[in-house]
C-alpha atoms as a PDB file:
ATOM      1  CA  MET A   1      72.164 -73.380 -30.144  1.00  0.00           C
ATOM      2  CA  ALA A   2      70.686 -74.855 -27.122  1.00  0.00           C
ATOM      3  CA  LEU A   3      67.119 -76.031 -27.598  1.00  0.00           C
ATOM      4  CA  LEU A   4      64.878 -76.933 -24.754  1.00  0.00           C
ATOM      5  CA  GLU A   5      63.278 -80.354 -24.280  1.00  0.00           C
ATOM      6  CA  SER A   6      59.901 -78.872 -25.443  1.00  0.00           C
ATOM      7  CA  GLY A   7      61.489 -77.459 -28.732  1.00  0.00           C
ATOM      8  CA  GLU A   8      62.996 -80.956 -29.251  1.00  0.00           C
ATOM      9  CA  MET A   9      59.616 -82.520 -28.854  1.00  0.00           C
ATOM     10  CA  TYR A  10      58.073 -80.187 -31.368  1.00  0.00           C
ATOM     11  CA  LEU A  11      60.785 -80.955 -33.900  1.00  0.00           C
ATOM     12  CA  GLU A  12      60.546 -84.637 -33.382  1.00  0.00           C
ATOM     13  CA  THR A  13      56.821 -84.525 -33.715  1.00  0.00           C
ATOM     14  CA  ILE A  14      56.911 -82.526 -36.958  1.00  0.00           C
ATOM     15  CA  TYR A  15      59.543 -85.024 -38.314  1.00  0.00           C
ATOM     16  CA  VAL A  16      57.439 -88.046 -37.346  1.00  0.00           C
ATOM     17  CA  LEU A  17      54.251 -86.538 -38.917  1.00  0.00           C
ATOM     18  CA  SER A  18      56.173 -85.637 -41.988  1.00  0.00           C
ATOM     19  CA  LEU A  19      57.094 -89.228 -42.384  1.00  0.00           C
ATOM     20  CA  GLN A  20      53.444 -90.126 -42.475  1.00  0.00           C
ATOM     21  CA  SER A  21      52.406 -87.320 -44.683  1.00  0.00           C
ATOM     22  CA  SER A  22      53.914 -84.629 -47.011  1.00  0.00           C
ATOM     23  CA  SER A  23      51.641 -81.914 -45.492  1.00  0.00           C
ATOM     24  CA  VAL A  24      51.995 -81.089 -41.736  1.00  0.00           C
ATOM     25  CA  ARG A  25      50.142 -78.191 -40.183  1.00  0.00           C
ATOM     26  CA  SER A  26      50.223 -76.795 -36.602  1.00  0.00           C
ATOM     27  CA  ILE A  27      46.873 -78.274 -35.954  1.00  0.00           C
ATOM     28  CA  ASP A  28      48.346 -81.778 -36.826  1.00  0.00           C
ATOM     29  CA  VAL A  29      51.118 -81.183 -34.235  1.00  0.00           C
ATOM     30  CA  ALA A  30      48.693 -79.892 -31.570  1.00  0.00           C
ATOM     31  CA  GLU A  31      46.432 -83.022 -32.104  1.00  0.00           C
ATOM     32  CA  HIS A  32      49.467 -85.347 -31.928  1.00  0.00           C
ATOM     33  CA  LEU A  33      50.804 -83.878 -28.699  1.00  0.00           C
ATOM     34  CA  GLY A  34      47.585 -82.971 -27.097  1.00  0.00           C
ATOM     35  CA  TYR A  35      48.632 -79.330 -26.869  1.00  0.00           C
ATOM     36  CA  SER A  36      46.642 -76.177 -27.393  1.00  0.00           C
ATOM     37  CA  LYS A  37      46.879 -74.424 -30.663  1.00  0.00           C
ATOM     38  CA  PRO A  38      48.296 -71.233 -29.070  1.00  0.00           C
ATOM     39  CA  SER A  39      51.064 -73.335 -27.475  1.00  0.00           C
ATOM     40  CA  VAL A  40      51.942 -74.778 -30.786  1.00  0.00           C
ATOM     41  CA  SER A  41      51.718 -71.452 -32.581  1.00  0.00           C
ATOM     42  CA  ARG A  42      54.278 -70.009 -30.053  1.00  0.00           C
ATOM     43  CA  ALA A  43      56.657 -72.939 -30.400  1.00  0.00           C
ATOM     44  CA  VAL A  44      56.422 -72.858 -34.248  1.00  0.00           C
ATOM     45  CA  GLY A  45      57.342 -69.147 -34.081  1.00  0.00           C
ATOM     46  CA  LEU A  46      60.347 -69.809 -31.968  1.00  0.00           C
ATOM     47  CA  LEU A  47      61.515 -72.747 -34.173  1.00  0.00           C
ATOM     48  CA  LYS A  48      61.105 -70.428 -37.258  1.00  0.00           C
ATOM     49  CA  LYS A  49      63.099 -67.724 -35.524  1.00  0.00           C
ATOM     50  CA  ASP A  50      65.952 -70.298 -34.720  1.00  0.00           C
ATOM     51  CA  GLY A  51      65.964 -71.370 -38.529  1.00  0.00           C
ATOM     52  CA  LEU A  52      64.815 -74.736 -37.762  1.00  0.00           C
ATOM     53  CA  LEU A  53      61.308 -74.611 -39.377  1.00  0.00           C
ATOM     54  CA  LEU A  54      59.549 -72.885 -42.330  1.00  0.00           C
ATOM     55  CA  MET A  55      55.950 -72.331 -42.798  1.00  0.00           C
ATOM     56  CA  ASP A  56      54.469 -71.679 -46.273  1.00  0.00           C
ATOM     57  CA  GLU A  57      51.581 -69.365 -47.146  1.00  0.00           C
ATOM     58  CA  MET A  58      49.180 -72.201 -46.773  1.00  0.00           C
ATOM     59  CA  GLY A  59      50.297 -72.853 -43.231  1.00  0.00           C
ATOM     60  CA  TYR A  60      52.260 -76.133 -43.916  1.00  0.00           C
ATOM     61  CA  LEU A  61      55.318 -76.762 -41.898  1.00  0.00           C
ATOM     62  CA  LYS A  62      58.690 -77.966 -43.264  1.00  0.00           C
ATOM     63  CA  LEU A  63      61.795 -78.532 -41.323  1.00  0.00           C
ATOM     64  CA  THR A  64      64.878 -76.713 -42.663  1.00  0.00           C
ATOM     65  CA  GLU A  65      68.051 -78.779 -43.160  1.00  0.00           C
ATOM     66  CA  PRO A  66      69.463 -78.135 -39.701  1.00  0.00           C
ATOM     67  CA  GLY A  67      65.869 -78.687 -38.261  1.00  0.00           C
ATOM     68  CA  GLU A  68      65.562 -82.068 -40.039  1.00  0.00           C
ATOM     69  CA  GLU A  69      69.066 -82.991 -38.871  1.00  0.00           C
ATOM     70  CA  ARG A  70      68.264 -82.149 -35.278  1.00  0.00           C
ATOM     71  CA  ALA A  71      64.967 -83.905 -35.354  1.00  0.00           C
ATOM     72  CA  ARG A  72      66.387 -87.120 -37.016  1.00  0.00           C
ATOM     73  CA  ARG A  73      68.867 -87.279 -34.244  1.00  0.00           C
ATOM     74  CA  ILE A  74      66.253 -86.849 -31.549  1.00  0.00           C
ATOM     75  CA  TYR A  75      64.090 -89.535 -33.210  1.00  0.00           C
ATOM     76  CA  GLU A  76      66.914 -91.877 -33.418  1.00  0.00           C
ATOM     77  CA  ARG A  77      67.745 -91.568 -29.769  1.00  0.00           C
ATOM     78  CA  HIS A  78      63.979 -92.194 -29.149  1.00  0.00           C
ATOM     79  CA  THR A  79      63.849 -95.413 -31.139  1.00  0.00           C
ATOM     80  CA  VAL A  80      67.242 -96.783 -30.016  1.00  0.00           C
ATOM     81  CA  LEU A  81      66.576 -96.210 -26.276  1.00  0.00           C
ATOM     82  CA  SER A  82      63.046 -97.584 -26.526  1.00  0.00           C
ATOM     83  CA  LYS A  83      64.453-100.825 -28.226  1.00  0.00           C
ATOM     84  CA  LEU A  84      67.131-101.071 -25.531  1.00  0.00           C
ATOM     85  CA  LEU A  85      64.691-100.684 -22.632  1.00  0.00           C
ATOM     86  CA  MET A  86      62.417-103.236 -24.096  1.00  0.00           C
ATOM     87  CA  ARG A  87      65.293-105.768 -24.656  1.00  0.00           C
ATOM     88  CA  LEU A  88      66.101-105.278 -20.894  1.00  0.00           C
ATOM     89  CA  GLY A  89      62.545-106.409 -20.224  1.00  0.00           C
ATOM     90  CA  VAL A  90      60.759-103.162 -19.783  1.00  0.00           C
ATOM     91  CA  ASP A  91      57.238-103.172 -21.257  1.00  0.00           C
ATOM     92  CA  GLU A  92      56.689-101.144 -24.480  1.00  0.00           C
ATOM     93  CA  GLU A  93      54.580 -98.308 -22.964  1.00  0.00           C
ATOM     94  CA  THR A  94      57.067 -97.650 -20.033  1.00  0.00           C
ATOM     95  CA  ALA A  95      60.052 -98.074 -22.464  1.00  0.00           C
ATOM     96  CA  THR A  96      58.624 -95.594 -24.845  1.00  0.00           C
ATOM     97  CA  GLU A  97      57.855 -93.099 -22.112  1.00  0.00           C
ATOM     98  CA  ASP A  98      61.011 -93.384 -20.495  1.00  0.00           C
ATOM     99  CA  ALA A  99      63.024 -93.079 -23.733  1.00  0.00           C
ATOM    100  CA  CYS A 100      61.091 -89.906 -24.406  1.00  0.00           C
ATOM    101  CA  ARG A 101      62.410 -88.451 -21.320  1.00  0.00           C
ATOM    102  CA  ILE A 102      66.004 -89.848 -21.584  1.00  0.00           C
ATOM    103  CA  GLU A 103      66.443 -88.785 -25.228  1.00  0.00           C
ATOM    104  CA  HIS A 104      66.635 -85.087 -24.253  1.00  0.00           C
ATOM    105  CA  TYR A 105      69.229 -85.359 -21.611  1.00  0.00           C
ATOM    106  CA  ILE A 106      71.583 -88.190 -22.577  1.00  0.00           C
ATOM    107  CA  SER A 107      75.077 -86.992 -23.822  1.00  0.00           C
ATOM    108  CA  ASP A 108      76.242 -87.845 -27.264  1.00  0.00           C
ATOM    109  CA  LYS A 109      79.080 -89.811 -25.764  1.00  0.00           C
ATOM    110  CA  SER A 110      76.830 -92.108 -23.693  1.00  0.00           C
ATOM    111  CA  PHE A 111      74.294 -92.443 -26.693  1.00  0.00           C
ATOM    112  CA  ASP A 112      77.100 -93.342 -29.073  1.00  0.00           C
ATOM    113  CA  ALA A 113      78.379 -95.995 -26.577  1.00  0.00           C
ATOM    114  CA  ILE A 114      74.901 -97.495 -26.303  1.00  0.00           C
ATOM    115  CA  LYS A 115      74.615 -97.716 -30.153  1.00  0.00           C
ATOM    116  CA  ALA A 116      78.141 -99.254 -30.251  1.00  0.00           C
ATOM    117  CA  HIS A 117      77.183-101.791 -27.603  1.00  0.00           C
ATOM    118  CA  MET A 118      73.874-102.611 -29.477  1.00  0.00           C
ATOM    119  CA  ARG A 119      75.865-103.056 -32.764  1.00  0.00           C
ATOM    120  CA  LYS A 120      78.450-105.256 -31.132  1.00  0.00           C
ATOM    121  CA  TYR A 121      76.166-107.697 -29.466  1.00  0.00           C
ATOM    122  CA  GLY A 122      73.591-107.793 -32.341  1.00  0.00           C
ATOM    123  CA  THR A 123      70.777-106.062 -30.748  1.00  0.00           C
ATOM    124  CA  GLU A 124      70.663-102.936 -32.936  1.00  0.00           C
ATOM    125  CA  SER A 125      67.596-103.961 -34.931  1.00  0.00           C
ATOM    126  CA  GLU A 126      64.657-106.372 -34.581  1.00  0.00           C
END
């Protein structure tokens, strides 16, 4: 299923917040992204409909297995691309912002080639 960039951003945000806390709510997502509560509510509804997210009776969000897998992949792209750009001399703020845009459009083939290159030349981790 095709997921728009905004949907990927929500998944990635919920994933990152869930790494920091076991309880993530829509308000946490709204605050983290700087979005309105109605916007987040709409996105949460769409992600639930697509089977990527669950919300319990207390309003806590939990990624489904496919949702978490997708979010983990997006987050990996973000972190790898950010590191690559910084190693190329781009300042951290610009690298992070650019990686955030690139991560949604780069093909699996190109991303896998970048990871292989970073592994081969010892630049995969700090």
